[in-house]
Amino acid sequence: MTVVTRTLRRIAALTLTLAAIVAGSVACSSIDDTRIPRVPVNIVFQTIGVWDRYGVGGAMEYRYFVKGSANQSTEPSDFPYTAASATGFGGVLLACDYYGNTVAYDMCCPVECNPQYKVRVDYETNMAVCPKCHSTYSVFENYGRSTGGTAAERGYGLTVYRVATTATGQRVITN
């Protein structure tokens, strides 16, 4: 085999690899995670002690955060919410993924777009499930992508929120 032939084969292989990467990138961005209204999210864990009590610390741990109102109960019931606290459209699902990363999602099912229909993690399948349409979402990997039901058929995913640590050590969930 000549040097020119080997070079051309390497270029062809590299071109195919790049094409596959670009195609994969486009496919990943086709998930619609913006179906629910954008409303404020602001959950502040003021101290490490508050995080240790209410946060998540290990793979596949999760917590729900819902700042209650007249027709909605508060979760966790004893969390120190403030006047500035906000828990999104349907509440916040805080989770620790398989790799130890902290992630947060809006609990509202993007198929239903109604804060009454909150996804809940099914202990047996480790998927978040909508109680109405029964769509399932991968919250411990794949950043809230739908894995079954109407949401998967339509390419919907859960809305993702930011989880950050401030310079003073506070943990904050925001959008």
C-alpha atoms as a PDB file:
ATOM      1  CA  MET A   1       0.000   0.000   0.000  1.00  0.00           C
ATOM      2  CA  THR A   2       1.397   3.385  -0.933  1.00  0.00           C
ATOM      3  CA  VAL A   3       1.777   6.333   1.379  1.00  0.00           C
ATOM      4  CA  VAL A   4      -0.895   8.214  -0.589  1.00  0.00           C
ATOM      5  CA  THR A   5      -3.401   5.356  -0.246  1.00  0.00           C
ATOM      6  CA  ARG A   6      -2.815   5.075   3.517  1.00  0.00           C
ATOM      7  CA  THR A   7      -3.178   8.835   3.898  1.00  0.00           C
ATOM      8  CA  LEU A   8      -6.438   8.854   1.946  1.00  0.00           C
ATOM      9  CA  ARG A   9      -7.823   5.994   4.072  1.00  0.00           C
ATOM     10  CA  ARG A  10      -6.906   7.840   7.270  1.00  0.00           C
ATOM     11  CA  ILE A  11      -8.588  11.002   5.990  1.00  0.00           C
ATOM     12  CA  ALA A  12     -11.706   8.986   5.060  1.00  0.00           C
ATOM     13  CA  ALA A  13     -11.781   7.324   8.501  1.00  0.00           C
ATOM     14  CA  LEU A  14     -11.317  10.682  10.228  1.00  0.00           C
ATOM     15  CA  THR A  15     -14.090  12.232   8.123  1.00  0.00           C
ATOM     16  CA  LEU A  16     -16.498   9.420   9.032  1.00  0.00           C
ATOM     17  CA  THR A  17     -15.600   9.756  12.718  1.00  0.00           C
ATOM     18  CA  LEU A  18     -16.220  13.512  12.644  1.00  0.00           C
ATOM     19  CA  ALA A  19     -19.512  13.000  10.806  1.00  0.00           C
ATOM     20  CA  ALA A  20     -20.635  10.536  13.499  1.00  0.00           C
ATOM     21  CA  ILE A  21     -19.691  12.984  16.253  1.00  0.00           C
ATOM     22  CA  VAL A  22     -21.594  15.828  14.578  1.00  0.00           C
ATOM     23  CA  ALA A  23     -24.631  13.590  14.011  1.00  0.00           C
ATOM     24  CA  GLY A  24     -24.563  12.542  17.661  1.00  0.00           C
ATOM     25  CA  SER A  25     -24.321  16.163  18.779  1.00  0.00           C
ATOM     26  CA  VAL A  26     -27.310  17.144  16.664  1.00  0.00           C
ATOM     27  CA  ALA A  27     -29.335  14.197  18.000  1.00  0.00           C
ATOM     28  CA  CYS A  28     -28.556  15.178  21.602  1.00  0.00           C
ATOM     29  CA  SER A  29     -29.776  18.724  21.072  1.00  0.00           C
ATOM     30  CA  SER A  30     -33.097  17.582  19.633  1.00  0.00           C
ATOM     31  CA  ILE A  31     -34.587  16.901  23.080  1.00  0.00           C
ATOM     32  CA  ASP A  32     -37.207  19.544  23.871  1.00  0.00           C
ATOM     33  CA  ASP A  33     -36.699  20.465  27.542  1.00  0.00           C
ATOM     34  CA  THR A  34     -38.348  23.890  27.329  1.00  0.00           C
ATOM     35  CA  ARG A  35     -42.037  22.944  27.236  1.00  0.00           C
ATOM     36  CA  ILE A  36     -43.016  24.214  30.657  1.00  0.00           C
ATOM     37  CA  PRO A  37     -43.204  27.921  31.506  1.00  0.00           C
ATOM     38  CA  ARG A  38     -39.964  29.471  32.740  1.00  0.00           C
ATOM     39  CA  VAL A  39     -40.621  30.490  36.328  1.00  0.00           C
ATOM     40  CA  PRO A  40     -38.130  31.341  39.079  1.00  0.00           C
ATOM     41  CA  VAL A  41     -36.083  28.653  40.802  1.00  0.00           C
ATOM     42  CA  ASN A  42     -34.115  29.634  43.892  1.00  0.00           C
ATOM     43  CA  ILE A  43     -33.369  27.077  46.575  1.00  0.00           C
ATOM     44  CA  VAL A  44     -30.504  28.017  48.880  1.00  0.00           C
ATOM     45  CA  PHE A  45     -28.853  25.610  51.302  1.00  0.00           C
ATOM     46  CA  GLN A  46     -27.408  28.220  53.675  1.00  0.00           C
ATOM     47  CA  THR A  47     -24.924  25.938  55.449  1.00  0.00           C
ATOM     48  CA  ILE A  48     -23.194  22.605  55.003  1.00  0.00           C
ATOM     49  CA  GLY A  49     -25.438  21.294  57.782  1.00  0.00           C
ATOM     50  CA  VAL A  50     -28.578  22.207  55.809  1.00  0.00           C
ATOM     51  CA  TRP A  51     -27.107  20.502  52.714  1.00  0.00           C
ATOM     52  CA  ASP A  52     -26.199  17.403  54.744  1.00  0.00           C
ATOM     53  CA  ARG A  53     -29.759  17.184  56.049  1.00  0.00           C
ATOM     54  CA  TYR A  54     -31.751  18.027  52.899  1.00  0.00           C
ATOM     55  CA  GLY A  55     -29.355  17.592  49.980  1.00  0.00           C
ATOM     56  CA  VAL A  56     -28.115  14.477  48.212  1.00  0.00           C
ATOM     57  CA  GLY A  57     -24.739  12.927  48.850  1.00  0.00           C
ATOM     58  CA  GLY A  58     -24.441   9.669  46.960  1.00  0.00           C
ATOM     59  CA  ALA A  59     -25.267   8.035  43.668  1.00  0.00           C
ATOM     60  CA  MET A  60     -28.993   7.602  43.050  1.00  0.00           C
ATOM     61  CA  GLU A  61     -30.142   9.610  46.052  1.00  0.00           C
ATOM     62  CA  TYR A  62     -32.944  12.080  45.386  1.00  0.00           C
ATOM     63  CA  ARG A  63     -35.162  14.625  47.160  1.00  0.00           C
ATOM     64  CA  TYR A  64     -38.246  16.610  46.181  1.00  0.00           C
ATOM     65  CA  PHE A  65     -38.578  20.346  46.855  1.00  0.00           C
ATOM     66  CA  VAL A  66     -41.967  22.026  46.621  1.00  0.00           C
ATOM     67  CA  LYS A  67     -42.596  25.373  48.282  1.00  0.00           C
ATOM     68  CA  GLY A  68     -46.225  24.966  49.263  1.00  0.00           C
ATOM     69  CA  SER A  69     -49.113  27.299  48.743  1.00  0.00           C
ATOM     70  CA  ALA A  70     -52.755  27.358  49.778  1.00  0.00           C
ATOM     71  CA  ASN A  71     -53.572  24.270  47.671  1.00  0.00           C
ATOM     72  CA  GLN A  72     -50.200  22.513  47.740  1.00  0.00           C
ATOM     73  CA  SER A  73     -48.199  20.919  50.545  1.00  0.00           C
ATOM     74  CA  THR A  74     -44.547  21.756  51.194  1.00  0.00           C
ATOM     75  CA  GLU A  75     -41.738  19.235  50.600  1.00  0.00           C
ATOM     76  CA  PRO A  76     -39.698  18.691  52.685  1.00  0.00           C
ATOM     77  CA  SER A  77     -42.165  19.948  55.249  1.00  0.00           C
ATOM     78  CA  ASP A  78     -39.445  21.333  57.546  1.00  0.00           C
ATOM     79  CA  PHE A  79     -37.074  22.794  54.930  1.00  0.00           C
ATOM     80  CA  PRO A  80     -36.054  26.399  55.786  1.00  0.00           C
ATOM     81  CA  TYR A  81     -37.681  28.100  52.775  1.00  0.00           C
ATOM     82  CA  THR A  82     -37.467  31.901  52.729  1.00  0.00           C
ATOM     83  CA  ALA A  83     -39.547  34.577  51.016  1.00  0.00           C
ATOM     84  CA  ALA A  84     -37.001  34.509  48.150  1.00  0.00           C
ATOM     85  CA  SER A  85     -37.247  30.724  47.719  1.00  0.00           C
ATOM     86  CA  ALA A  86     -38.869  29.447  44.521  1.00  0.00           C
ATOM     87  CA  THR A  87     -39.272  25.862  43.338  1.00  0.00           C
ATOM     88  CA  GLY A  88     -40.035  26.197  39.637  1.00  0.00           C
ATOM     89  CA  PHE A  89     -43.233  25.301  37.839  1.00  0.00           C
ATOM     90  CA  GLY A  90     -43.945  21.911  39.393  1.00  0.00           C
ATOM     91  CA  GLY A  91     -41.341  21.599  42.110  1.00  0.00           C
ATOM     92  CA  VAL A  92     -37.701  20.503  41.972  1.00  0.00           C
ATOM     93  CA  LEU A  93     -36.323  16.980  41.849  1.00  0.00           C
ATOM     94  CA  LEU A  94     -32.763  17.083  43.202  1.00  0.00           C
ATOM     95  CA  ALA A  95     -30.728  13.956  42.426  1.00  0.00           C
ATOM     96  CA  CYS A  96     -27.239  12.560  42.485  1.00  0.00           C
ATOM     97  CA  ASP A  97     -26.526  10.724  39.225  1.00  0.00           C
ATOM     98  CA  TYR A  98     -24.676   7.420  38.797  1.00  0.00           C
ATOM     99  CA  TYR A  99     -21.365   9.287  38.678  1.00  0.00           C
ATOM    100  CA  GLY A 100     -21.825  11.368  41.838  1.00  0.00           C
ATOM    101  CA  ASN A 101     -22.840  14.604  40.053  1.00  0.00           C
ATOM    102  CA  THR A 102     -25.660  16.655  41.546  1.00  0.00           C
ATOM    103  CA  VAL A 103     -28.468  17.395  39.074  1.00  0.00           C
ATOM    104  CA  ALA A 104     -31.866  19.097  39.367  1.00  0.00           C
ATOM    105  CA  TYR A 105     -35.018  18.989  37.256  1.00  0.00           C
ATOM    106  CA  ASP A 106     -38.465  20.528  37.268  1.00  0.00           C
ATOM    107  CA  MET A 107     -40.913  17.886  38.463  1.00  0.00           C
ATOM    108  CA  CYS A 108     -43.633  18.919  36.006  1.00  0.00           C
ATOM    109  CA  CYS A 109     -44.176  16.394  33.221  1.00  0.00           C
ATOM    110  CA  PRO A 110     -43.472  18.170  29.902  1.00  0.00           C
ATOM    111  CA  VAL A 111     -46.253  16.215  28.186  1.00  0.00           C
ATOM    112  CA  GLU A 112     -48.913  17.438  30.594  1.00  0.00           C
ATOM    113  CA  CYS A 113     -47.486  20.958  31.228  1.00  0.00           C
ATOM    114  CA  ASN A 114     -49.562  21.099  34.400  1.00  0.00           C
ATOM    115  CA  PRO A 115     -47.914  21.479  37.835  1.00  0.00           C
ATOM    116  CA  GLN A 116     -50.448  19.004  39.288  1.00  0.00           C
ATOM    117  CA  TYR A 117     -48.711  16.169  37.404  1.00  0.00           C
ATOM    118  CA  LYS A 118     -45.341  15.806  39.083  1.00  0.00           C
ATOM    119  CA  VAL A 119     -42.907  13.087  38.142  1.00  0.00           C
ATOM    120  CA  ARG A 120     -41.823  10.807  40.979  1.00  0.00           C
ATOM    121  CA  VAL A 121     -38.905   8.400  41.046  1.00  0.00           C
ATOM    122  CA  ASP A 122     -39.968   4.758  40.861  1.00  0.00           C
ATOM    123  CA  TYR A 123     -37.797   2.860  43.335  1.00  0.00           C
ATOM    124  CA  GLU A 124     -37.777  -0.349  41.272  1.00  0.00           C
ATOM    125  CA  THR A 125     -36.941   1.134  37.850  1.00  0.00           C
ATOM    126  CA  ASN A 126     -34.931   4.177  39.021  1.00  0.00           C
ATOM    127  CA  MET A 127     -36.867   6.270  36.496  1.00  0.00           C
ATOM    128  CA  ALA A 128     -38.998   9.339  37.118  1.00  0.00           C
ATOM    129  CA  VAL A 129     -42.580   8.592  36.073  1.00  0.00           C
ATOM    130  CA  CYS A 130     -45.530  10.862  35.301  1.00  0.00           C
ATOM    131  CA  PRO A 131     -48.655   9.747  37.192  1.00  0.00           C
ATOM    132  CA  LYS A 132     -50.959  10.757  34.312  1.00  0.00           C
ATOM    133  CA  CYS A 133     -49.337   9.852  30.960  1.00  0.00           C
ATOM    134  CA  HIS A 134     -46.860   7.360  32.471  1.00  0.00           C
ATOM    135  CA  SER A 135     -43.927   8.762  30.498  1.00  0.00           C
ATOM    136  CA  THR A 136     -40.586   7.808  32.023  1.00  0.00           C
ATOM    137  CA  TYR A 137     -37.437   9.924  32.385  1.00  0.00           C
ATOM    138  CA  SER A 138     -33.831   9.023  33.105  1.00  0.00           C
ATOM    139  CA  VAL A 139     -32.801  11.260  36.006  1.00  0.00           C
ATOM    140  CA  PHE A 140     -29.701   9.374  37.157  1.00  0.00           C
ATOM    141  CA  GLU A 141     -28.110   9.551  33.704  1.00  0.00           C
ATOM    142  CA  ASN A 142     -28.913  11.293  30.412  1.00  0.00           C
ATOM    143  CA  TYR A 143     -30.039  14.525  32.133  1.00  0.00           C
ATOM    144  CA  GLY A 144     -33.785  13.970  32.229  1.00  0.00           C
ATOM    145  CA  ARG A 145     -34.218  12.471  28.762  1.00  0.00           C
ATOM    146  CA  SER A 146     -37.462  10.619  28.206  1.00  0.00           C
ATOM    147  CA  THR A 147     -37.117   6.854  27.944  1.00  0.00           C
ATOM    148  CA  GLY A 148     -40.698   5.771  27.343  1.00  0.00           C
ATOM    149  CA  GLY A 149     -44.265   6.871  26.733  1.00  0.00           C
ATOM    150  CA  THR A 150     -45.592   9.952  24.975  1.00  0.00           C
ATOM    151  CA  ALA A 151     -42.599  12.048  26.058  1.00  0.00           C
ATOM    152  CA  ALA A 152     -40.181   9.690  24.289  1.00  0.00           C
ATOM    153  CA  GLU A 153     -42.361   9.622  21.164  1.00  0.00           C
ATOM    154  CA  ARG A 154     -42.358  13.432  21.007  1.00  0.00           C
ATOM    155  CA  GLY A 155     -38.743  13.959  22.110  1.00  0.00           C
ATOM    156  CA  TYR A 156     -39.544  15.750  25.374  1.00  0.00           C
ATOM    157  CA  GLY A 157     -37.226  15.867  28.384  1.00  0.00           C
ATOM    158  CA  LEU A 158     -37.444  17.282  31.885  1.00  0.00           C
ATOM    159  CA  THR A 159     -36.368  20.905  32.357  1.00  0.00           C
ATOM    160  CA  VAL A 160     -32.865  20.959  33.845  1.00  0.00           C
ATOM    161  CA  TYR A 161     -31.830  23.445  36.547  1.00  0.00           C
ATOM    162  CA  ARG A 162     -28.363  24.506  37.731  1.00  0.00           C
ATOM    163  CA  VAL A 163     -26.861  23.306  40.990  1.00  0.00           C
ATOM    164  CA  ALA A 164     -23.886  25.408  42.086  1.00  0.00           C
ATOM    165  CA  THR A 165     -21.670  26.002  45.088  1.00  0.00           C
ATOM    166  CA  THR A 166     -21.020  29.661  45.935  1.00  0.00           C
ATOM    167  CA  ALA A 167     -17.720  31.123  47.084  1.00  0.00           C
ATOM    168  CA  THR A 168     -19.060  31.019  50.663  1.00  0.00           C
ATOM    169  CA  GLY A 169     -19.914  27.318  50.443  1.00  0.00           C
ATOM    170  CA  GLN A 170     -23.673  27.635  50.016  1.00  0.00           C
ATOM    171  CA  ARG A 171     -25.334  25.235  47.578  1.00  0.00           C
ATOM    172  CA  VAL A 172     -27.890  26.883  45.291  1.00  0.00           C
ATOM    173  CA  ILE A 173     -30.387  25.514  42.773  1.00  0.00           C
ATOM    174  CA  THR A 174     -31.366  28.098  40.115  1.00  0.00           C
ATOM    175  CA  ASN A 175     -32.526  28.420  36.527  1.00  0.00           C
END
